[in-house]
Amino acid sequence: MGLKSFQYFLAVAEELSFTRASQRLHIAQQSLSGSIKRLEEEYGVELFRRKPVLRLTPAGELMAFYARNILENEHKMAAGLSDLAADCVGHITIGMSRQRSGIFFPGIWERFYSFYPNVSVDLHEQMTLQILDELQRGQLDLGVVVNAPPTRDLERIPLGTERMQCLISEKLLKRQRPYDWESLLKKGLEQGISLLELQDFPFIMLTAGNQLRAPIDQTFSAAKIHPKVILESAEHGVIYRLGCDGYGISLFSPMFLYDHEAGYREPPSGCHLLNIIDPLPNNQVELVYPKDLEDTDYLSGMRNAIIQEFSFYNSSMRMLGRRGHSKIR
């Protein structure tokens, strides 16, 4: 069956009238009825109940769902091929933090480039407030931001939520809590851990002033606790590595655990990721762009590549969480 058969079928499914559908399609009602009959014969199902009024059968509802997807994908394919055939040349500017670009952009580029090899991309590695400023001044087309304040002139597409991760090694637990480290770890794996329970441990954190660290500082401050921070770094990799080596409790964004090739990165043996049960706010990650941005097929393609990459990331993190939970003894 050709695409036109699905177009005819969807017209009838939407109008629920052969008369209106034939008028909309500018074809004879007899030709339309013949097309529907051939579809039913091809797939061996009845697509419509004719009495007392015209309505879709369960098979018709299923076909409508897939027919819409087929036509939508064909339209996207045709648009992409048209751009390639015309040797379409374009340019996109994107804002993203240095950490996120290093982790996510290779996967985004892989999804984008095969469809738009003639489009160049300029990646601005900046923090959220700088990205928002450049978007509003027309210097960026798209931006990936975290916990961005409300803005009227920007469209926002949620990409996911994240909570800070707590990594602790058994080496550190045994050193700090030699008599009850096993019970503390078991409780942390099963129920999560409060940072206040760990106030006597050394901490390795993001640099003070980083918006991802601010809620942690607020939690300790509200409890009138001054934690022992032995190292501050803007590099999640440094924080993670030293935490795995047992120098302190590492607090970092879960994005560092993401690897585009494997989908996730598990801590080494003897290191554990614990959920933080303190009421820390989730970090809201969003794709933003100006409302008045002139849309093009390749800009839409880049938005889709970013959305797909973060969707894969979210799925990978859920998988890692389930794998971690399954290891609890």
Protein backbone atom coordinates (compact mmCIF):
# COMPACT_ATOMS: atom_id res chain seq x y z
CA MET A 1 0.00 0.00 0.00
CA GLY A 2 1.27 3.48 -0.87
CA LEU A 3 1.37 6.56 1.33
CA LYS A 4 -1.68 7.96 -0.46
CA SER A 5 -3.78 5.06 0.86
CA PHE A 6 -2.83 6.04 4.41
CA GLN A 7 -3.60 9.71 3.66
CA TYR A 8 -7.06 8.72 2.40
CA PHE A 9 -7.67 6.48 5.41
CA LEU A 10 -6.68 9.20 7.89
CA ALA A 11 -8.96 11.71 6.19
CA VAL A 12 -11.93 9.37 6.73
CA ALA A 13 -10.78 8.57 10.29
CA GLU A 14 -10.64 12.30 11.13
CA GLU A 15 -13.86 13.33 9.39
CA LEU A 16 -15.79 10.12 10.24
CA SER A 17 -17.63 10.76 7.00
CA PHE A 18 -16.84 9.50 3.52
CA THR A 19 -18.65 12.51 2.04
CA ARG A 20 -16.66 15.13 3.94
CA ALA A 21 -13.39 13.21 3.48
CA SER A 22 -13.88 12.97 -0.30
CA GLN A 23 -14.64 16.71 -0.47
CA ARG A 24 -11.53 17.48 1.60
CA LEU A 25 -9.37 15.27 -0.65
CA HIS A 26 -11.05 16.43 -3.88
CA ILE A 27 -11.66 12.88 -5.08
CA ALA A 28 -14.81 10.91 -5.87
CA GLN A 29 -16.45 9.20 -2.92
CA GLN A 30 -16.42 5.93 -4.88
CA SER A 31 -12.64 6.12 -5.30
CA LEU A 32 -12.21 6.84 -1.59
CA SER A 33 -14.41 3.88 -0.61
CA GLY A 34 -12.41 1.64 -2.96
CA SER A 35 -9.13 2.74 -1.39
CA ILE A 36 -10.40 1.91 2.13
CA LYS A 37 -11.69 -1.46 0.94
CA ARG A 38 -8.28 -2.32 -0.56
CA LEU A 39 -6.60 -1.42 2.74
CA GLU A 40 -8.96 -3.71 4.63
CA GLU A 41 -8.30 -6.54 2.16
CA GLU A 42 -4.53 -5.98 2.28
CA TYR A 43 -4.38 -6.28 6.09
CA GLY A 44 -7.32 -8.62 6.59
CA VAL A 45 -9.17 -6.37 9.06
CA GLU A 46 -12.24 -4.18 9.23
CA LEU A 47 -11.24 -0.54 9.75
CA PHE A 48 -14.66 1.08 10.20
CA ARG A 49 -18.05 0.19 11.66
CA ARG A 50 -20.67 1.65 9.34
CA LYS A 51 -23.74 1.46 11.60
CA PRO A 52 -25.39 3.15 13.41
CA VAL A 53 -22.75 5.82 12.64
CA LEU A 54 -19.30 5.61 11.04
CA ARG A 55 -16.60 4.93 13.62
CA LEU A 56 -13.19 3.29 13.86
CA THR A 57 -12.81 -0.33 14.90
CA PRO A 58 -9.96 -1.28 17.28
CA ALA A 59 -7.96 -2.27 14.18
CA GLY A 60 -8.77 1.12 12.65
CA GLU A 61 -7.55 2.95 15.75
CA LEU A 62 -4.28 1.00 15.63
CA MET A 63 -3.81 1.76 11.95
CA ALA A 64 -4.52 5.46 12.53
CA PHE A 65 -1.76 5.58 15.14
CA TYR A 66 0.85 3.96 12.90
CA ALA A 67 -0.30 5.70 9.71
CA ARG A 68 0.26 9.11 11.33
CA ASN A 69 3.75 8.07 12.38
CA ILE A 70 4.54 6.76 8.89
CA LEU A 71 3.42 9.97 7.21
CA GLU A 72 5.20 12.18 9.74
CA ASN A 73 8.47 10.28 9.35
CA GLU A 74 8.16 10.37 5.56
CA HIS A 75 7.73 14.14 5.75
CA LYS A 76 10.82 14.49 7.93
CA MET A 77 12.83 12.23 5.64
CA ALA A 78 11.75 14.18 2.56
CA ALA A 79 12.67 17.48 4.21
CA GLY A 80 16.09 16.18 5.24
CA LEU A 81 16.80 14.73 1.80
CA SER A 82 15.64 17.94 0.17
CA ASP A 83 18.16 19.92 2.20
CA LEU A 84 20.92 17.50 1.28
CA ALA A 85 20.00 17.49 -2.39
CA ALA A 86 20.06 21.28 -2.42
CA ASP A 87 23.46 21.26 -0.69
CA CYS A 88 21.83 23.24 2.12
CA VAL A 89 24.31 25.32 4.09
CA GLY A 90 23.47 26.73 7.52
CA HIS A 91 24.97 27.82 10.82
CA ILE A 92 23.82 27.21 14.41
CA THR A 93 25.15 28.74 17.63
CA ILE A 94 24.57 26.77 20.84
CA GLY A 95 25.25 27.65 24.47
CA MET A 96 26.08 24.91 26.98
CA SER A 97 28.28 24.63 30.05
CA ARG A 98 31.77 23.25 29.51
CA GLN A 99 31.01 20.20 31.64
CA ARG A 100 27.78 19.39 29.82
CA SER A 101 29.22 19.98 26.38
CA GLY A 102 32.06 17.54 27.11
CA ILE A 103 29.62 14.88 28.29
CA PHE A 104 26.63 15.34 25.97
CA PHE A 105 27.72 17.12 22.82
CA PRO A 106 29.52 14.17 21.15
CA GLY A 107 26.25 12.22 21.23
CA ILE A 108 24.24 15.23 20.06
CA TRP A 109 26.65 15.78 17.17
CA GLU A 110 26.49 12.11 16.17
CA ARG A 111 22.68 12.31 15.98
CA PHE A 112 22.74 15.59 14.04
CA TYR A 113 25.65 15.41 11.62
CA SER A 114 24.56 12.45 9.48
CA PHE A 115 21.41 14.37 8.46
CA TYR A 116 22.95 17.86 8.19
CA PRO A 117 26.60 17.52 7.15
CA ASN A 118 26.58 20.96 5.49
CA VAL A 119 25.53 22.85 8.64
CA SER A 120 28.29 24.32 10.81
CA VAL A 121 27.90 24.67 14.57
CA ASP A 122 29.49 27.17 16.96
CA LEU A 123 29.47 25.89 20.56
CA HIS A 124 29.67 28.58 23.27
CA GLU A 125 30.76 26.96 26.54
CA GLN A 126 29.22 29.20 29.19
CA MET A 127 27.16 29.12 32.34
CA THR A 128 23.39 29.50 32.44
CA LEU A 129 23.15 33.27 33.06
CA GLN A 130 25.60 34.02 30.26
CA ILE A 131 23.69 31.73 27.91
CA LEU A 132 20.39 33.47 28.72
CA ASP A 133 21.97 36.87 28.14
CA GLU A 134 23.36 35.88 24.74
CA LEU A 135 20.06 34.29 23.71
CA GLN A 136 18.20 37.51 24.51
CA ARG A 137 20.75 39.57 22.58
CA GLY A 138 20.41 37.31 19.54
CA GLN A 139 23.92 35.89 19.78
CA LEU A 140 22.78 32.29 20.32
CA ASP A 141 20.15 30.15 18.60
CA LEU A 142 19.80 27.45 21.27
CA GLY A 143 20.91 26.97 24.86
CA VAL A 144 20.99 24.13 27.40
CA VAL A 145 20.55 25.66 30.85
CA VAL A 146 20.09 24.56 34.47
CA ASN A 147 17.66 26.14 36.95
CA ALA A 148 17.10 29.10 34.64
CA PRO A 149 14.95 31.97 35.99
CA PRO A 150 11.66 32.66 34.16
CA THR A 151 11.95 34.66 30.94
CA ARG A 152 9.07 35.80 28.72
CA ASP A 153 10.85 35.88 25.38
CA LEU A 154 12.27 32.34 25.44
CA GLU A 155 10.66 29.02 24.59
CA ARG A 156 11.56 26.26 27.07
CA ILE A 157 11.64 22.49 26.53
CA PRO A 158 12.27 20.38 29.67
CA LEU A 159 15.13 17.92 29.21
CA GLY A 160 15.05 16.31 32.65
CA THR A 161 15.63 16.73 36.36
CA GLU A 162 18.72 15.78 38.33
CA ARG A 163 19.62 15.41 42.00
CA MET A 164 23.14 15.64 43.34
CA GLN A 165 24.79 12.26 43.95
CA CYS A 166 26.69 11.16 47.05
CA LEU A 167 29.57 8.75 46.46
CA ILE A 168 31.24 7.09 49.41
CA SER A 169 33.94 4.41 49.52
CA GLU A 170 34.13 1.53 51.93
CA LYS A 171 37.75 2.54 52.61
CA LEU A 172 36.55 5.90 53.95
CA LEU A 173 33.68 4.33 55.90
CA LYS A 174 35.98 1.89 57.65
CA ARG A 175 38.38 4.69 58.55
CA GLN A 176 35.73 7.08 59.87
CA ARG A 177 33.24 4.62 61.36
CA PRO A 178 35.17 1.39 62.11
CA TYR A 179 32.50 -0.05 64.42
CA ASP A 180 29.26 0.58 62.55
CA TRP A 181 30.26 1.28 58.94
CA GLU A 182 28.41 -1.76 57.60
CA SER A 183 25.10 -0.78 59.19
CA LEU A 184 25.52 2.81 58.01
CA LEU A 185 26.19 1.65 54.45
CA LYS A 186 23.29 -0.79 54.49
CA LYS A 187 20.92 1.93 55.68
CA GLY A 188 22.25 4.34 53.07
CA LEU A 189 21.78 1.86 50.23
CA GLU A 190 18.29 0.89 51.30
CA GLN A 191 16.89 4.22 52.48
CA GLY A 192 19.28 6.92 51.33
CA ILE A 193 21.44 9.12 53.53
CA SER A 194 21.17 12.56 55.11
CA LEU A 195 24.18 14.81 54.71
CA LEU A 196 23.76 15.73 58.35
CA GLU A 197 24.50 12.11 59.31
CA LEU A 198 27.86 12.51 57.57
CA GLN A 199 28.86 15.82 59.14
CA ASP A 200 32.04 14.35 60.68
CA PHE A 201 33.30 13.04 57.33
CA PRO A 202 35.61 14.98 54.99
CA PHE A 203 33.82 16.29 51.86
CA ILE A 204 34.93 16.85 48.27
CA MET A 205 32.58 19.31 46.57
CA LEU A 206 32.01 21.58 43.65
CA THR A 207 33.47 25.06 43.94
CA ALA A 208 31.64 27.41 46.32
CA GLY A 209 29.24 29.65 44.42
CA ASN A 210 28.31 26.95 41.90
CA GLN A 211 24.51 26.83 41.69
CA LEU A 212 24.56 23.03 42.01
CA ARG A 213 26.40 23.33 45.33
CA ALA A 214 24.30 26.14 46.81
CA PRO A 215 21.49 23.87 48.18
CA ILE A 216 24.10 21.70 49.94
CA ASP A 217 25.60 24.73 51.67
CA GLN A 218 22.11 25.88 52.64
CA THR A 219 21.32 22.47 54.17
CA PHE A 220 24.40 22.55 56.39
CA SER A 221 23.91 26.22 57.25
CA ALA A 222 20.30 25.67 58.34
CA ALA A 223 21.52 22.95 60.72
CA LYS A 224 24.33 25.25 61.97
CA ILE A 225 26.94 22.76 60.78
CA HIS A 226 30.25 23.71 59.22
CA PRO A 227 31.32 20.69 57.14
CA LYS A 228 34.94 19.72 56.67
CA VAL A 229 35.50 20.46 52.98
CA ILE A 230 38.96 19.19 52.07
CA LEU A 231 38.76 19.98 48.36
CA GLU A 232 36.68 22.20 46.08
CA SER A 233 36.84 21.77 42.32
CA ALA A 234 34.84 22.74 39.24
CA GLU A 235 35.77 19.39 37.68
CA HIS A 236 33.29 16.60 38.40
CA GLY A 237 35.91 14.08 37.26
CA VAL A 238 38.35 15.15 39.96
CA ILE A 239 35.63 14.99 42.62
CA TYR A 240 34.54 11.54 41.46
CA ARG A 241 38.06 10.09 41.26
CA LEU A 242 39.16 11.28 44.69
CA GLY A 243 35.90 10.05 46.20
CA CYS A 244 36.48 6.61 44.68
CA ASP A 245 39.98 6.65 46.17
CA GLY A 246 38.53 7.19 49.65
CA TYR A 247 39.78 10.71 50.38
CA GLY A 248 36.33 12.05 51.19
CA ILE A 249 32.63 11.95 50.40
CA SER A 250 32.09 13.17 46.85
CA LEU A 251 29.05 15.26 45.94
CA PHE A 252 28.56 15.80 42.22
CA SER A 253 26.02 15.91 39.41
CA PRO A 254 24.84 12.53 38.07
CA MET A 255 25.63 13.72 34.53
CA PHE A 256 29.25 12.73 35.17
CA LEU A 257 28.17 9.08 35.38
CA TYR A 258 26.84 9.24 31.83
CA ASP A 259 28.91 7.85 29.00
CA HIS A 260 27.46 8.13 25.50
CA GLU A 261 29.04 4.85 24.39
CA ALA A 262 27.88 2.69 27.30
CA GLY A 263 24.99 4.80 28.59
CA TYR A 264 26.26 4.79 32.19
CA ARG A 265 29.38 4.51 34.29
CA GLU A 266 29.29 2.33 37.39
CA PRO A 267 31.50 3.19 40.39
CA PRO A 268 34.43 0.81 40.98
CA SER A 269 34.20 -2.01 43.46
CA GLY A 270 33.98 -0.79 47.05
CA CYS A 271 32.40 2.56 46.09
CA HIS A 272 28.70 3.25 46.42
CA LEU A 273 26.22 5.84 45.18
CA LEU A 274 23.73 6.83 47.86
CA ASN A 275 20.57 8.84 47.39
CA ILE A 276 20.57 12.06 49.42
CA ILE A 277 17.33 12.24 51.42
CA ASP A 278 17.69 15.87 52.50
CA PRO A 279 15.13 18.11 50.72
CA LEU A 280 17.56 19.35 48.09
CA PRO A 281 15.78 20.80 45.06
CA ASN A 282 16.02 18.95 41.76
CA ASN A 283 18.11 20.64 39.10
CA GLN A 284 15.88 21.49 36.14
CA VAL A 285 17.66 21.05 32.80
CA GLU A 286 16.02 22.79 29.84
CA LEU A 287 16.54 23.56 26.18
CA VAL A 288 15.74 27.23 25.53
CA TYR A 289 15.61 29.39 22.40
CA PRO A 290 14.12 32.77 21.38
CA LYS A 291 10.39 32.75 20.60
CA ASP A 292 10.96 34.87 17.53
CA LEU A 293 13.75 32.63 16.18
CA GLU A 294 13.29 31.98 12.46
CA ASP A 295 12.92 28.22 12.33
CA THR A 296 14.67 26.05 9.76
CA ASP A 297 14.72 22.33 9.17
CA TYR A 298 18.28 22.04 10.48
CA LEU A 299 17.46 24.03 13.65
CA SER A 300 14.56 21.66 14.25
CA GLY A 301 16.98 18.80 13.63
CA MET A 302 19.41 20.12 16.24
CA ARG A 303 16.60 20.55 18.80
CA ASN A 304 15.53 16.96 18.17
CA ALA A 305 19.13 15.71 18.50
CA ILE A 306 19.48 17.46 21.88
CA ILE A 307 16.13 16.12 23.11
CA GLN A 308 16.97 12.57 21.99
CA GLU A 309 20.40 12.64 23.64
CA PHE A 310 18.97 13.79 26.98
CA SER A 311 16.14 11.26 26.72
CA PHE A 312 18.76 8.52 26.33
CA TYR A 313 20.66 9.99 29.28
CA ASN A 314 17.54 9.95 31.49
CA SER A 315 16.85 6.32 30.55
CA SER A 316 20.47 5.38 31.26
CA MET A 317 20.38 6.99 34.69
CA ARG A 318 17.17 5.15 35.58
CA MET A 319 18.86 1.91 34.51
CA LEU A 320 21.91 2.70 36.63
CA GLY A 321 19.65 3.40 39.61
CA ARG A 322 17.92 0.03 39.20
CA ARG A 323 21.25 -1.77 38.83
CA GLY A 324 22.57 -0.06 41.96
CA HIS A 325 19.43 -0.98 43.89
CA SER A 326 19.65 -4.60 42.78
CA LYS A 327 23.10 -4.88 44.40
CA ILE A 328 21.80 -4.08 47.87
CA ARG A 329 22.33 -7.06 50.15
